[in-house]
Protein backbone atom coordinates (compact mmCIF):
# COMPACT_ATOMS: atom_id res chain seq x y z
CA MET A 1 -1.92 4.89 13.03
CA VAL A 2 -4.76 2.66 11.92
CA GLU A 3 -5.98 0.21 14.54
CA VAL A 4 -7.05 -3.35 13.79
CA GLY A 5 -10.58 -3.31 12.42
CA GLN A 6 -10.44 0.33 11.31
CA GLN A 7 -10.76 1.29 7.66
CA ALA A 8 -7.47 2.49 6.17
CA PRO A 9 -7.45 5.98 4.64
CA ASP A 10 -7.05 6.18 0.88
CA PHE A 11 -3.48 6.71 -0.30
CA GLU A 12 -1.53 6.45 -3.53
CA LEU A 13 1.94 4.98 -4.10
CA PRO A 14 4.10 4.01 -7.08
CA ALA A 15 3.93 0.31 -8.01
CA HIS A 16 6.95 -1.77 -9.03
CA ASP A 17 6.45 -0.68 -12.65
CA GLY A 18 6.23 3.04 -11.83
CA GLU A 19 2.44 3.28 -12.27
CA ARG A 20 0.54 5.06 -9.50
CA VAL A 21 -1.80 2.81 -7.53
CA ALA A 22 -4.46 4.04 -5.10
CA LEU A 23 -5.88 1.91 -2.32
CA SER A 24 -9.36 2.99 -3.46
CA GLN A 25 -8.81 1.10 -6.74
CA PHE A 26 -9.29 -2.12 -4.77
CA LYS A 27 -12.55 -1.15 -3.06
CA GLY A 28 -14.88 -4.15 -2.93
CA GLN A 29 -12.06 -6.70 -2.90
CA LYS A 30 -12.15 -9.12 0.01
CA TRP A 31 -8.40 -8.92 0.69
CA VAL A 32 -5.69 -6.39 -0.15
CA VAL A 33 -2.07 -7.09 0.77
CA ILE A 34 0.40 -4.21 0.88
CA SER A 35 4.09 -5.04 0.92
CA ALA A 36 6.71 -2.34 1.44
CA TYR A 37 10.47 -2.62 1.33
CA PRO A 38 13.38 -0.18 1.06
CA ALA A 39 14.50 0.78 -2.45
CA ALA A 40 18.09 -0.17 -1.60
CA PHE A 41 18.87 -3.01 0.76
CA THR A 42 21.60 -1.18 2.63
CA SER A 43 22.15 -0.56 6.31
CA GLY A 44 23.04 2.59 8.11
C-alpha cells in the first residue's frame, strides 16, 4: 500500500478506449486523478 506523501509505483492499465496507459506517461504533471470502477455494476 502506498502511504500519503509516498510516490506511487509505475503501473499500466487499459483506458476506457482499450488503449494501455502507464502512470509514468503523466510524469511532470501537477495532478493525476485515477478513477476505478467495476466493469459490471452487479452485486454478489
